[in-house]
């Protein structure tokens, strides 16, 4: 019996709960899709949209939080490029973009951006 890394959805849930306790408004973005009559239909119209979008206290700055499974990133090159492009748009418009595999990495990103996360 070995150590099993947390699943991405568990890290996502933990991060959303922490953001809410901290006073942010955070939502999980469903960016999947489904096949309808032999055609793939995406649920989200913004390619590369982050897993979690939040409004940060005290000023409502946007956070785009991309979460990755600890120890293994199976993102395709195309998807990775779309995600990087989305995060660049967020930053260009004054938002904050963080890629994290844990709550600790989210907190480190917020601290690096000047937020008090004690």
N, C-alpha and C. Protein backbone atom coordinates (compact mmCIF):
# COMPACT_ATOMS: atom_id res chain seq x y z
N UNK A 1 0.85 -1.18 0.00
CA UNK A 1 0.00 0.00 0.00
C UNK A 1 0.89 1.24 0.00
N UNK A 2 0.81 2.04 -1.07
CA UNK A 2 1.64 3.23 -1.18
C UNK A 2 0.82 4.49 -1.04
N UNK A 3 1.53 5.58 -1.07
CA UNK A 3 0.88 6.88 -0.98
C UNK A 3 0.20 7.21 -2.30
N UNK A 4 -1.04 7.64 -2.24
CA UNK A 4 -1.76 8.04 -3.45
C UNK A 4 -1.94 9.56 -3.42
N UNK A 5 -1.51 10.21 -4.48
CA UNK A 5 -1.65 11.66 -4.58
C UNK A 5 -3.14 12.02 -4.63
N UNK A 6 -3.49 13.19 -4.10
CA UNK A 6 -4.89 13.61 -4.16
C UNK A 6 -5.35 13.77 -5.61
N UNK A 7 -6.62 13.53 -5.83
CA UNK A 7 -7.19 13.72 -7.16
C UNK A 7 -7.39 15.22 -7.41
N UNK A 8 -7.38 15.59 -8.69
CA UNK A 8 -7.54 17.01 -9.04
C UNK A 8 -8.85 17.56 -8.48
N UNK A 9 -9.93 16.77 -8.55
CA UNK A 9 -11.22 17.28 -8.06
C UNK A 9 -11.20 17.50 -6.55
N UNK A 10 -10.38 16.73 -5.81
CA UNK A 10 -10.26 16.94 -4.36
C UNK A 10 -9.50 18.23 -4.07
N UNK A 11 -8.44 18.48 -4.83
CA UNK A 11 -7.68 19.73 -4.68
C UNK A 11 -8.58 20.91 -5.04
N UNK A 12 -9.36 20.76 -6.11
CA UNK A 12 -10.28 21.81 -6.53
C UNK A 12 -11.29 22.15 -5.43
N UNK A 13 -11.87 21.13 -4.84
CA UNK A 13 -12.86 21.34 -3.77
C UNK A 13 -12.23 22.05 -2.59
N UNK A 14 -11.02 21.62 -2.20
CA UNK A 14 -10.32 22.25 -1.08
C UNK A 14 -10.03 23.72 -1.37
N UNK A 15 -9.56 24.02 -2.57
CA UNK A 15 -9.23 25.40 -2.93
C UNK A 15 -10.48 26.27 -2.95
N UNK A 16 -11.58 25.77 -3.51
CA UNK A 16 -12.83 26.55 -3.54
C UNK A 16 -13.33 26.80 -2.12
N UNK A 17 -13.26 25.79 -1.26
CA UNK A 17 -13.70 25.97 0.13
C UNK A 17 -12.83 27.01 0.84
N UNK A 18 -11.51 26.94 0.65
CA UNK A 18 -10.62 27.90 1.30
C UNK A 18 -10.92 29.31 0.79
N UNK A 19 -11.07 29.47 -0.53
CA UNK A 19 -11.37 30.79 -1.09
C UNK A 19 -12.65 31.37 -0.49
N UNK A 20 -13.67 30.54 -0.33
CA UNK A 20 -14.94 31.00 0.26
C UNK A 20 -14.74 31.42 1.71
N UNK A 21 -13.99 30.64 2.48
CA UNK A 21 -13.72 31.00 3.88
C UNK A 21 -12.91 32.29 3.97
N UNK A 22 -12.07 32.55 3.00
CA UNK A 22 -11.23 33.74 2.95
C UNK A 22 -12.04 34.98 2.55
N UNK A 23 -13.23 34.76 1.98
CA UNK A 23 -14.09 35.87 1.59
C UNK A 23 -14.22 36.08 0.10
N UNK A 24 -13.64 35.20 -0.69
CA UNK A 24 -13.75 35.29 -2.14
C UNK A 24 -15.03 34.61 -2.61
N UNK A 25 -15.48 34.99 -3.79
CA UNK A 25 -16.57 34.30 -4.46
C UNK A 25 -15.93 33.45 -5.55
N UNK A 26 -16.04 32.14 -5.44
CA UNK A 26 -15.37 31.24 -6.38
C UNK A 26 -16.36 30.24 -6.96
N UNK A 27 -16.21 29.99 -8.26
CA UNK A 27 -17.06 29.00 -8.92
C UNK A 27 -16.20 28.05 -9.74
N UNK A 28 -16.65 26.81 -9.80
CA UNK A 28 -16.01 25.81 -10.65
C UNK A 28 -16.60 25.96 -12.05
N UNK A 29 -15.74 25.96 -13.04
CA UNK A 29 -16.17 26.10 -14.43
C UNK A 29 -16.23 24.72 -15.07
N UNK A 30 -17.41 24.37 -15.56
CA UNK A 30 -17.56 23.09 -16.25
C UNK A 30 -17.12 23.29 -17.69
N UNK A 31 -15.99 22.72 -18.04
CA UNK A 31 -15.47 22.95 -19.39
C UNK A 31 -15.41 21.66 -20.21
N UNK A 32 -16.30 20.75 -19.91
CA UNK A 32 -16.37 19.51 -20.67
C UNK A 32 -17.19 19.68 -21.93
N UNK A 33 -17.69 18.58 -22.41
CA UNK A 33 -18.53 18.60 -23.59
C UNK A 33 -19.12 17.22 -23.81
N UNK A 34 -19.87 17.07 -24.85
CA UNK A 34 -20.45 15.77 -25.15
C UNK A 34 -20.66 15.64 -26.65
N UNK A 35 -20.80 14.41 -27.08
CA UNK A 35 -21.03 14.13 -28.49
C UNK A 35 -22.54 14.08 -28.73
N UNK A 36 -23.00 14.88 -29.67
CA UNK A 36 -24.41 14.91 -30.05
C UNK A 36 -24.47 14.69 -31.56
N UNK A 37 -25.11 13.59 -31.95
CA UNK A 37 -25.25 13.25 -33.37
C UNK A 37 -23.91 13.36 -34.10
N UNK A 38 -22.91 12.65 -33.60
CA UNK A 38 -21.57 12.56 -34.21
C UNK A 38 -20.77 13.86 -34.18
N UNK A 39 -21.24 14.85 -33.43
CA UNK A 39 -20.54 16.13 -33.35
C UNK A 39 -20.23 16.45 -31.90
N UNK A 40 -18.99 16.87 -31.60
CA UNK A 40 -18.63 17.25 -30.23
C UNK A 40 -19.13 18.66 -29.96
N UNK A 41 -19.86 18.83 -28.87
CA UNK A 41 -20.40 20.13 -28.48
C UNK A 41 -19.82 20.50 -27.12
N UNK A 42 -18.99 21.55 -27.06
CA UNK A 42 -18.40 21.95 -25.78
C UNK A 42 -19.42 22.64 -24.88
N UNK A 43 -19.27 22.47 -23.57
CA UNK A 43 -20.14 23.14 -22.60
C UNK A 43 -19.71 24.58 -22.39
N UNK A 44 -18.44 24.86 -22.63
CA UNK A 44 -17.89 26.18 -22.36
C UNK A 44 -17.41 26.77 -23.67
N UNK A 45 -17.78 28.00 -23.96
CA UNK A 45 -17.42 28.60 -25.24
C UNK A 45 -16.05 29.27 -25.25
N UNK A 46 -15.38 29.34 -24.11
CA UNK A 46 -14.06 29.98 -24.02
C UNK A 46 -12.97 28.92 -23.95
N UNK A 47 -12.26 28.67 -25.05
CA UNK A 47 -11.21 27.64 -25.03
C UNK A 47 -10.15 27.95 -23.97
N UNK A 48 -9.78 26.94 -23.21
CA UNK A 48 -8.72 27.09 -22.22
C UNK A 48 -9.15 27.73 -20.92
N UNK A 49 -10.45 27.97 -20.75
CA UNK A 49 -10.93 28.60 -19.51
C UNK A 49 -10.45 27.81 -18.30
N UNK A 50 -10.02 28.52 -17.27
CA UNK A 50 -9.50 27.87 -16.06
C UNK A 50 -10.57 27.09 -15.33
N UNK A 51 -10.12 26.19 -14.44
CA UNK A 51 -11.03 25.33 -13.68
C UNK A 51 -11.89 26.10 -12.69
N UNK A 52 -11.31 27.15 -12.10
CA UNK A 52 -12.01 27.94 -11.08
C UNK A 52 -11.84 29.42 -11.43
N UNK A 53 -12.93 30.16 -11.35
CA UNK A 53 -12.91 31.62 -11.52
C UNK A 53 -13.39 32.21 -10.20
N UNK A 54 -12.67 33.22 -9.71
CA UNK A 54 -13.03 33.82 -8.42
C UNK A 54 -12.88 35.33 -8.46
N UNK A 55 -13.65 36.00 -7.61
CA UNK A 55 -13.49 37.43 -7.33
C UNK A 55 -12.83 37.52 -5.97
N UNK A 56 -11.66 38.17 -5.92
CA UNK A 56 -10.87 38.20 -4.69
C UNK A 56 -11.18 39.43 -3.85
N UNK A 57 -11.19 39.25 -2.53
CA UNK A 57 -11.35 40.41 -1.66
C UNK A 57 -10.03 41.17 -1.58
N UNK A 58 -10.00 42.43 -1.29
CA UNK A 58 -11.16 43.28 -0.99
C UNK A 58 -11.68 44.01 -2.21
N UNK A 59 -11.01 43.89 -3.38
CA UNK A 59 -11.33 44.75 -4.51
C UNK A 59 -12.01 44.05 -5.68
N UNK A 60 -12.28 42.76 -5.59
CA UNK A 60 -12.97 42.05 -6.66
C UNK A 60 -12.11 41.65 -7.84
N UNK A 61 -10.78 41.69 -7.65
CA UNK A 61 -9.88 41.28 -8.75
C UNK A 61 -10.19 39.85 -9.15
N UNK A 62 -10.17 39.60 -10.46
CA UNK A 62 -10.47 38.26 -10.97
C UNK A 62 -9.27 37.33 -10.78
N UNK A 63 -9.56 36.11 -10.34
CA UNK A 63 -8.57 35.05 -10.27
C UNK A 63 -8.99 33.93 -11.22
N UNK A 64 -8.08 33.54 -12.10
CA UNK A 64 -8.27 32.35 -12.93
C UNK A 64 -7.34 31.29 -12.36
N UNK A 65 -7.92 30.25 -11.78
CA UNK A 65 -7.14 29.20 -11.11
C UNK A 65 -7.21 27.92 -11.93
N UNK A 66 -6.07 27.52 -12.45
CA UNK A 66 -5.96 26.26 -13.21
C UNK A 66 -5.36 25.22 -12.28
N UNK A 67 -6.09 24.14 -12.07
CA UNK A 67 -5.62 23.09 -11.17
C UNK A 67 -5.14 21.89 -11.96
N UNK A 68 -4.07 21.30 -11.48
CA UNK A 68 -3.49 20.11 -12.11
C UNK A 68 -3.38 19.01 -11.07
N UNK A 69 -3.51 17.78 -11.53
CA UNK A 69 -3.35 16.64 -10.62
C UNK A 69 -1.89 16.59 -10.16
N UNK A 70 -1.67 16.49 -8.86
CA UNK A 70 -0.29 16.41 -8.36
C UNK A 70 0.44 15.21 -8.96
N UNK A 71 1.63 15.47 -9.48
CA UNK A 71 2.47 14.40 -9.97
C UNK A 71 2.23 13.94 -11.39
N UNK A 72 1.14 14.41 -12.01
CA UNK A 72 0.87 13.94 -13.38
C UNK A 72 -0.01 14.96 -14.12
N UNK A 73 0.53 15.48 -15.19
CA UNK A 73 -0.22 16.43 -16.02
C UNK A 73 -0.45 15.77 -17.38
N UNK A 74 -1.69 15.41 -17.66
CA UNK A 74 -2.03 14.74 -18.92
C UNK A 74 -2.65 15.70 -19.93
N UNK A 75 -2.42 16.99 -19.74
CA UNK A 75 -2.98 17.99 -20.65
C UNK A 75 -2.31 17.89 -22.02
N UNK A 76 -3.11 17.87 -23.06
CA UNK A 76 -2.56 17.81 -24.42
C UNK A 76 -1.89 19.14 -24.76
N UNK A 77 -1.00 19.12 -25.75
CA UNK A 77 -0.29 20.33 -26.15
C UNK A 77 -1.28 21.42 -26.61
N UNK A 78 -2.31 21.02 -27.35
CA UNK A 78 -3.30 22.00 -27.82
C UNK A 78 -4.05 22.61 -26.64
N UNK A 79 -4.49 21.77 -25.72
CA UNK A 79 -5.23 22.26 -24.55
C UNK A 79 -4.35 23.15 -23.69
N UNK A 80 -3.08 22.74 -23.52
CA UNK A 80 -2.14 23.54 -22.73
C UNK A 80 -1.97 24.93 -23.34
N UNK A 81 -1.85 25.00 -24.66
CA UNK A 81 -1.70 26.29 -25.35
C UNK A 81 -2.95 27.15 -25.15
N UNK A 82 -4.13 26.53 -25.22
CA UNK A 82 -5.39 27.27 -24.99
C UNK A 82 -5.45 27.81 -23.57
N UNK A 83 -5.02 26.99 -22.60
CA UNK A 83 -5.03 27.42 -21.19
C UNK A 83 -4.06 28.57 -20.97
N UNK A 84 -2.86 28.48 -21.56
CA UNK A 84 -1.88 29.57 -21.43
C UNK A 84 -2.41 30.85 -22.06
N UNK A 85 -3.07 30.74 -23.20
CA UNK A 85 -3.64 31.91 -23.87
C UNK A 85 -4.73 32.55 -23.00
N UNK A 86 -5.60 31.72 -22.40
CA UNK A 86 -6.66 32.25 -21.54
C UNK A 86 -6.05 32.99 -20.34
N UNK A 87 -5.06 32.37 -19.70
CA UNK A 87 -4.43 33.01 -18.54
C UNK A 87 -3.75 34.32 -18.94
N UNK A 88 -3.14 34.37 -20.11
CA UNK A 88 -2.50 35.60 -20.58
C UNK A 88 -3.54 36.71 -20.76
N UNK A 89 -4.73 36.37 -21.28
CA UNK A 89 -5.80 37.36 -21.44
C UNK A 89 -6.25 37.89 -20.08
N UNK A 90 -6.35 37.00 -19.10
CA UNK A 90 -6.77 37.40 -17.76
C UNK A 90 -5.76 38.39 -17.18
N UNK A 91 -4.48 38.06 -17.27
CA UNK A 91 -3.43 38.92 -16.73
C UNK A 91 -3.39 40.26 -17.47
N UNK A 92 -3.53 40.23 -18.78
CA UNK A 92 -3.50 41.46 -19.58
C UNK A 92 -4.62 42.41 -19.17
N UNK A 93 -5.75 41.87 -18.74
CA UNK A 93 -6.87 42.72 -18.35
C UNK A 93 -6.88 43.05 -16.85
N UNK A 94 -5.78 42.73 -16.16
CA UNK A 94 -5.66 43.12 -14.76
C UNK A 94 -5.98 42.03 -13.76
N UNK A 95 -6.31 40.85 -14.23
CA UNK A 95 -6.61 39.75 -13.33
C UNK A 95 -5.36 39.01 -12.89
N UNK A 96 -5.57 37.98 -12.13
CA UNK A 96 -4.49 37.14 -11.60
C UNK A 96 -4.72 35.72 -12.10
N UNK A 97 -3.67 35.07 -12.58
CA UNK A 97 -3.77 33.69 -13.05
C UNK A 97 -2.76 32.84 -12.30
N UNK A 98 -3.24 31.73 -11.73
CA UNK A 98 -2.39 30.83 -10.95
C UNK A 98 -2.63 29.40 -11.42
N UNK A 99 -1.54 28.65 -11.56
CA UNK A 99 -1.61 27.21 -11.82
C UNK A 99 -1.13 26.54 -10.55
N UNK A 100 -1.92 25.60 -10.02
CA UNK A 100 -1.58 24.98 -8.74
C UNK A 100 -1.93 23.49 -8.74
N UNK A 101 -1.18 22.74 -7.94
CA UNK A 101 -1.49 21.33 -7.71
C UNK A 101 -1.92 21.09 -6.27
N UNK A 102 -2.00 22.17 -5.48
CA UNK A 102 -2.36 22.03 -4.07
C UNK A 102 -2.83 23.38 -3.52
N UNK A 103 -3.45 23.34 -2.36
CA UNK A 103 -3.83 24.57 -1.68
C UNK A 103 -2.59 25.39 -1.34
N UNK A 104 -1.51 24.73 -0.93
CA UNK A 104 -0.27 25.46 -0.62
C UNK A 104 0.23 26.26 -1.83
N UNK A 105 0.13 25.68 -3.02
CA UNK A 105 0.57 26.40 -4.22
C UNK A 105 -0.36 27.57 -4.54
N UNK A 106 -1.65 27.42 -4.30
CA UNK A 106 -2.58 28.54 -4.46
C UNK A 106 -2.20 29.66 -3.50
N UNK A 107 -1.98 29.32 -2.23
CA UNK A 107 -1.62 30.33 -1.23
C UNK A 107 -0.32 31.03 -1.59
N UNK A 108 0.66 30.26 -2.07
CA UNK A 108 1.94 30.86 -2.48
C UNK A 108 1.73 31.85 -3.64
N UNK A 109 0.87 31.50 -4.59
CA UNK A 109 0.58 32.39 -5.70
C UNK A 109 -0.12 33.67 -5.25
N UNK A 110 -1.05 33.53 -4.31
CA UNK A 110 -1.73 34.71 -3.78
C UNK A 110 -0.76 35.60 -3.00
N UNK A 111 0.10 34.98 -2.19
CA UNK A 111 1.12 35.75 -1.44
C UNK A 111 2.04 36.49 -2.39
N UNK A 112 2.49 35.81 -3.46
CA UNK A 112 3.38 36.43 -4.44
C UNK A 112 2.72 37.63 -5.13
N UNK A 113 1.39 37.61 -5.21
CA UNK A 113 0.65 38.72 -5.82
C UNK A 113 0.33 39.81 -4.81
N UNK A 114 0.78 39.64 -3.56
CA UNK A 114 0.60 40.68 -2.55
C UNK A 114 -0.60 40.51 -1.64
N UNK A 115 -1.26 39.37 -1.68
CA UNK A 115 -2.43 39.15 -0.82
C UNK A 115 -2.01 38.59 0.53
N UNK A 116 -2.72 39.02 1.57
CA UNK A 116 -2.48 38.51 2.93
C UNK A 116 -3.36 37.28 3.11
N UNK A 117 -2.74 36.12 3.18
CA UNK A 117 -3.50 34.87 3.26
C UNK A 117 -3.27 34.14 4.58
N UNK A 118 -2.94 34.89 5.63
CA UNK A 118 -2.72 34.25 6.93
C UNK A 118 -3.97 33.62 7.46
